[in-house]
Amino acid sequence: MALDLNRIFVREFERADESVLKISQSEIGDVGCVVWDAAIVLASFLETETFRSDVCHELKDKTVLELGAGTGIVGIQAASLGYGICFGNIFTRPYSTGYKRCVF
């Protein structure tokens, strides 16, 4: 099925620093063209004090692998916060922030 460009809109995610991350989303489609609400919740959680104090130290000098990244909002958020991230979705090559080579 061809993507109908007339049925695309921008989903905005306001970050804690009041900057806005904008991701294009299709009105119809499957996993790779929808910004899921759960992804927004997880992206928000990455900025919380709970995450930074309880989990952040565990990730120091490590690269996080996100499989099934969809539109990539969680991986983009994590990379923008300085975490080493490698993410990909169905039928795509993984994207990496360059820390280490990603192996699947």
N, C-alpha and C. Protein backbone atom coordinates (compact mmCIF):
# COMPACT_ATOMS: atom_id res chain seq x y z
N MET A 1 0.84 -1.17 0.00
CA MET A 1 0.00 0.00 0.00
C MET A 1 0.89 1.24 0.00
N ALA A 2 0.63 2.15 -0.93
CA ALA A 2 1.40 3.40 -1.02
C ALA A 2 0.98 4.36 0.09
N LEU A 3 1.94 5.11 0.56
CA LEU A 3 1.68 6.09 1.61
C LEU A 3 1.01 7.32 1.01
N ASP A 4 -0.13 7.70 1.55
CA ASP A 4 -0.86 8.88 1.08
C ASP A 4 -0.32 10.10 1.82
N LEU A 5 0.45 10.94 1.13
CA LEU A 5 1.08 12.10 1.76
C LEU A 5 0.07 13.13 2.25
N ASN A 6 -1.16 13.05 1.78
CA ASN A 6 -2.21 13.97 2.26
C ASN A 6 -2.73 13.55 3.63
N ARG A 7 -2.34 12.37 4.08
CA ARG A 7 -2.83 11.86 5.36
C ARG A 7 -1.72 11.79 6.40
N ILE A 8 -0.76 12.71 6.29
CA ILE A 8 0.33 12.78 7.25
C ILE A 8 0.20 14.06 8.06
N PHE A 9 0.45 13.95 9.34
CA PHE A 9 0.45 15.13 10.20
C PHE A 9 1.64 15.05 11.15
N VAL A 10 1.92 16.13 11.84
CA VAL A 10 3.07 16.19 12.74
C VAL A 10 2.60 16.01 14.17
N ARG A 11 3.22 15.06 14.86
CA ARG A 11 2.95 14.84 16.28
C ARG A 11 4.04 15.57 17.04
N GLU A 12 3.67 16.42 17.97
CA GLU A 12 4.63 17.21 18.73
C GLU A 12 4.77 16.66 20.15
N PHE A 13 6.02 16.57 20.59
CA PHE A 13 6.34 16.11 21.93
C PHE A 13 7.11 17.22 22.63
N GLU A 14 6.50 17.82 23.66
CA GLU A 14 7.15 18.89 24.40
C GLU A 14 8.03 18.30 25.48
N ARG A 15 9.30 18.65 25.42
CA ARG A 15 10.28 18.13 26.36
C ARG A 15 10.32 18.99 27.61
N ALA A 16 10.99 18.49 28.64
CA ALA A 16 11.06 19.19 29.93
C ALA A 16 11.71 20.56 29.80
N ASP A 17 12.63 20.73 28.84
CA ASP A 17 13.28 22.03 28.66
C ASP A 17 12.46 22.96 27.77
N GLU A 18 11.23 22.57 27.47
CA GLU A 18 10.26 23.31 26.67
C GLU A 18 10.58 23.33 25.17
N SER A 19 11.64 22.61 24.74
CA SER A 19 11.84 22.43 23.31
C SER A 19 10.82 21.41 22.81
N VAL A 20 10.61 21.37 21.52
CA VAL A 20 9.58 20.49 20.96
C VAL A 20 10.23 19.57 19.94
N LEU A 21 9.99 18.28 20.11
CA LEU A 21 10.41 17.27 19.15
C LEU A 21 9.22 16.98 18.25
N LYS A 22 9.40 17.12 16.94
CA LYS A 22 8.31 16.94 16.00
C LYS A 22 8.57 15.71 15.14
N ILE A 23 7.59 14.81 15.09
CA ILE A 23 7.69 13.57 14.33
C ILE A 23 6.49 13.48 13.39
N SER A 24 6.75 13.22 12.12
CA SER A 24 5.66 13.04 11.17
C SER A 24 5.00 11.69 11.40
N GLN A 25 3.69 11.67 11.31
CA GLN A 25 2.91 10.47 11.56
C GLN A 25 1.82 10.35 10.51
N SER A 26 1.52 9.13 10.11
CA SER A 26 0.46 8.88 9.16
C SER A 26 -0.87 8.67 9.89
N GLU A 27 -1.97 9.11 9.28
CA GLU A 27 -3.29 8.88 9.88
C GLU A 27 -3.63 7.40 9.90
N ILE A 28 -3.15 6.69 8.90
CA ILE A 28 -3.40 5.24 8.84
C ILE A 28 -2.08 4.53 8.62
N GLY A 29 -2.01 3.31 9.05
CA GLY A 29 -0.79 2.54 8.85
C GLY A 29 -0.51 1.64 10.02
N ASP A 30 0.64 1.05 9.98
CA ASP A 30 1.01 0.08 10.98
C ASP A 30 2.12 0.64 11.87
N VAL A 31 2.88 -0.23 12.46
CA VAL A 31 3.82 0.13 13.51
C VAL A 31 4.83 1.22 13.16
N GLY A 32 5.34 1.25 11.95
CA GLY A 32 6.40 2.19 11.62
C GLY A 32 5.95 3.58 11.26
N CYS A 33 4.65 3.84 11.26
CA CYS A 33 4.20 5.18 10.85
C CYS A 33 3.28 5.83 11.87
N VAL A 34 3.28 5.32 13.08
CA VAL A 34 2.45 5.88 14.15
C VAL A 34 3.33 6.18 15.35
N VAL A 35 3.15 7.34 15.96
CA VAL A 35 3.82 7.65 17.23
C VAL A 35 2.89 7.15 18.33
N TRP A 36 3.26 6.03 18.92
CA TRP A 36 2.40 5.42 19.94
C TRP A 36 2.46 6.23 21.23
N ASP A 37 1.33 6.28 21.94
CA ASP A 37 1.27 7.01 23.21
C ASP A 37 2.28 6.45 24.21
N ALA A 38 2.48 5.13 24.19
CA ALA A 38 3.46 4.52 25.10
C ALA A 38 4.87 5.05 24.83
N ALA A 39 5.19 5.34 23.57
CA ALA A 39 6.50 5.89 23.24
C ALA A 39 6.65 7.29 23.81
N ILE A 40 5.57 8.07 23.79
CA ILE A 40 5.60 9.42 24.37
C ILE A 40 5.81 9.32 25.88
N VAL A 41 5.14 8.36 26.52
CA VAL A 41 5.29 8.19 27.97
C VAL A 41 6.73 7.80 28.31
N LEU A 42 7.31 6.86 27.55
CA LEU A 42 8.68 6.44 27.81
C LEU A 42 9.66 7.57 27.53
N ALA A 43 9.46 8.31 26.46
CA ALA A 43 10.33 9.45 26.15
C ALA A 43 10.28 10.48 27.28
N SER A 44 9.10 10.70 27.84
CA SER A 44 8.95 11.62 28.97
C SER A 44 9.67 11.09 30.21
N PHE A 45 9.56 9.79 30.44
CA PHE A 45 10.18 9.17 31.61
C PHE A 45 11.70 9.32 31.60
N LEU A 46 12.30 9.33 30.41
CA LEU A 46 13.76 9.48 30.31
C LEU A 46 14.25 10.80 30.90
N GLU A 47 13.37 11.78 31.02
CA GLU A 47 13.75 13.09 31.56
C GLU A 47 13.47 13.24 33.05
N THR A 48 12.83 12.25 33.65
CA THR A 48 12.44 12.39 35.05
C THR A 48 13.62 12.20 36.00
N GLU A 49 13.49 12.74 37.18
CA GLU A 49 14.51 12.58 38.20
C GLU A 49 14.62 11.11 38.62
N THR A 50 13.50 10.40 38.64
CA THR A 50 13.50 8.98 38.99
C THR A 50 14.40 8.20 38.05
N PHE A 51 14.24 8.42 36.75
CA PHE A 51 15.08 7.72 35.77
C PHE A 51 16.53 8.13 35.93
N ARG A 52 16.76 9.41 36.03
CA ARG A 52 18.15 9.88 36.09
C ARG A 52 18.87 9.40 37.34
N SER A 53 18.16 9.27 38.46
CA SER A 53 18.83 8.83 39.68
C SER A 53 18.90 7.31 39.81
N ASP A 54 17.85 6.60 39.37
CA ASP A 54 17.80 5.15 39.57
C ASP A 54 18.42 4.34 38.43
N VAL A 55 18.31 4.82 37.20
CA VAL A 55 18.71 4.03 36.04
C VAL A 55 19.93 4.59 35.34
N CYS A 56 20.04 5.89 35.32
CA CYS A 56 21.07 6.56 34.52
C CYS A 56 22.48 6.04 34.80
N HIS A 57 22.82 5.85 36.06
CA HIS A 57 24.17 5.39 36.39
C HIS A 57 24.44 3.99 35.84
N GLU A 58 23.39 3.18 35.67
CA GLU A 58 23.54 1.83 35.10
C GLU A 58 23.88 1.89 33.61
N LEU A 59 23.52 2.98 32.94
CA LEU A 59 23.74 3.10 31.50
C LEU A 59 25.05 3.79 31.15
N LYS A 60 25.76 4.26 32.14
CA LYS A 60 27.02 4.96 31.88
C LYS A 60 27.96 4.06 31.08
N ASP A 61 28.50 4.59 30.00
CA ASP A 61 29.42 3.88 29.11
C ASP A 61 28.82 2.66 28.42
N LYS A 62 27.50 2.63 28.30
CA LYS A 62 26.82 1.54 27.61
C LYS A 62 26.00 2.11 26.45
N THR A 63 25.71 1.27 25.47
CA THR A 63 24.84 1.64 24.36
C THR A 63 23.54 0.86 24.51
N VAL A 64 22.43 1.55 24.44
CA VAL A 64 21.11 0.93 24.56
C VAL A 64 20.64 0.52 23.17
N LEU A 65 20.13 -0.69 23.04
CA LEU A 65 19.60 -1.19 21.78
C LEU A 65 18.08 -1.17 21.86
N GLU A 66 17.45 -0.41 20.97
CA GLU A 66 15.99 -0.36 20.93
C GLU A 66 15.53 -1.05 19.64
N LEU A 67 14.87 -2.18 19.80
CA LEU A 67 14.34 -2.90 18.65
C LEU A 67 12.89 -2.50 18.43
N GLY A 68 12.46 -2.45 17.19
CA GLY A 68 11.08 -2.06 16.89
C GLY A 68 10.84 -0.61 17.24
N ALA A 69 11.75 0.26 16.84
CA ALA A 69 11.71 1.67 17.25
C ALA A 69 10.58 2.46 16.60
N GLY A 70 9.94 1.92 15.58
CA GLY A 70 8.85 2.64 14.94
C GLY A 70 9.32 3.96 14.35
N THR A 71 8.68 5.04 14.74
CA THR A 71 9.06 6.35 14.24
C THR A 71 10.33 6.87 14.90
N GLY A 72 10.80 6.23 15.94
CA GLY A 72 12.08 6.56 16.55
C GLY A 72 12.05 7.60 17.64
N ILE A 73 10.88 7.96 18.14
CA ILE A 73 10.81 9.07 19.10
C ILE A 73 11.57 8.77 20.40
N VAL A 74 11.52 7.53 20.89
CA VAL A 74 12.24 7.20 22.13
C VAL A 74 13.75 7.25 21.89
N GLY A 75 14.21 6.67 20.79
CA GLY A 75 15.63 6.70 20.47
C GLY A 75 16.16 8.10 20.23
N ILE A 76 15.38 8.91 19.54
CA ILE A 76 15.77 10.31 19.29
C ILE A 76 15.86 11.07 20.60
N GLN A 77 14.88 10.86 21.47
CA GLN A 77 14.88 11.52 22.78
C GLN A 77 16.09 11.07 23.59
N ALA A 78 16.37 9.77 23.62
CA ALA A 78 17.50 9.25 24.39
C ALA A 78 18.81 9.81 23.86
N ALA A 79 18.98 9.82 22.54
CA ALA A 79 20.21 10.36 21.94
C ALA A 79 20.38 11.84 22.25
N SER A 80 19.27 12.58 22.21
CA SER A 80 19.35 14.02 22.49
C SER A 80 19.70 14.31 23.95
N LEU A 81 19.46 13.32 24.82
CA LEU A 81 19.83 13.47 26.23
C LEU A 81 21.24 12.97 26.52
N GLY A 82 21.91 12.49 25.47
CA GLY A 82 23.30 12.09 25.61
C GLY A 82 23.54 10.60 25.81
N TYR A 83 22.50 9.78 25.73
CA TYR A 83 22.67 8.34 25.89
C TYR A 83 23.16 7.73 24.58
N GLY A 84 24.00 6.72 24.68
CA GLY A 84 24.41 5.95 23.51
C GLY A 84 23.22 5.10 23.11
N ILE A 85 22.79 5.20 21.89
CA ILE A 85 21.57 4.49 21.47
C ILE A 85 21.78 3.90 20.09
N CYS A 86 21.26 2.74 19.90
CA CYS A 86 21.24 2.09 18.60
C CYS A 86 19.80 1.63 18.41
N PHE A 87 19.15 2.09 17.35
CA PHE A 87 17.76 1.69 17.18
C PHE A 87 17.41 1.45 15.72
N GLY A 88 16.41 0.62 15.53
CA GLY A 88 15.97 0.28 14.18
C GLY A 88 14.55 -0.23 14.22
N ASN A 89 13.97 -0.39 13.06
CA ASN A 89 12.61 -0.89 12.95
C ASN A 89 12.58 -1.98 11.88
N ILE A 90 11.45 -2.52 11.63
CA ILE A 90 11.30 -3.59 10.66
C ILE A 90 11.85 -3.18 9.30
N PHE A 91 12.67 -4.01 8.70
CA PHE A 91 13.22 -3.82 7.36
C PHE A 91 14.09 -2.57 7.22
N THR A 92 14.66 -2.09 8.31
CA THR A 92 15.54 -0.92 8.19
C THR A 92 16.90 -1.27 8.74
N ARG A 93 17.89 -0.53 8.33
CA ARG A 93 19.20 -0.65 8.94
C ARG A 93 19.17 0.10 10.26
N PRO A 94 19.83 -0.39 11.28
CA PRO A 94 19.80 0.32 12.57
C PRO A 94 20.53 1.65 12.48
N TYR A 95 20.05 2.61 13.25
CA TYR A 95 20.71 3.90 13.38
C TYR A 95 21.48 3.88 14.69
N SER A 96 22.66 4.41 14.69
CA SER A 96 23.46 4.43 15.91
C SER A 96 24.03 5.83 16.11
N THR A 97 24.14 6.23 17.37
CA THR A 97 24.75 7.52 17.67
C THR A 97 26.27 7.43 17.57
N GLY A 98 26.79 6.25 17.20
CA GLY A 98 28.20 6.14 16.90
C GLY A 98 29.07 5.64 18.04
N TYR A 99 28.50 5.26 19.15
CA TYR A 99 29.32 4.79 20.26
C TYR A 99 30.10 3.54 19.88
N LYS A 100 29.39 2.52 19.49
CA LYS A 100 30.01 1.26 19.07
C LYS A 100 29.16 0.69 17.96
N ARG A 101 29.71 -0.22 17.23
CA ARG A 101 28.96 -0.86 16.14
C ARG A 101 27.81 -1.68 16.72
N CYS A 102 26.67 -1.60 16.09
CA CYS A 102 25.51 -2.37 16.52
C CYS A 102 25.50 -3.70 15.78
N VAL A 103 25.26 -4.76 16.49
CA VAL A 103 25.21 -6.08 15.88
C VAL A 103 23.85 -6.69 16.14
N PHE A 104 23.21 -7.17 15.08
CA PHE A 104 21.91 -7.83 15.22
C PHE A 104 22.05 -9.29 14.91
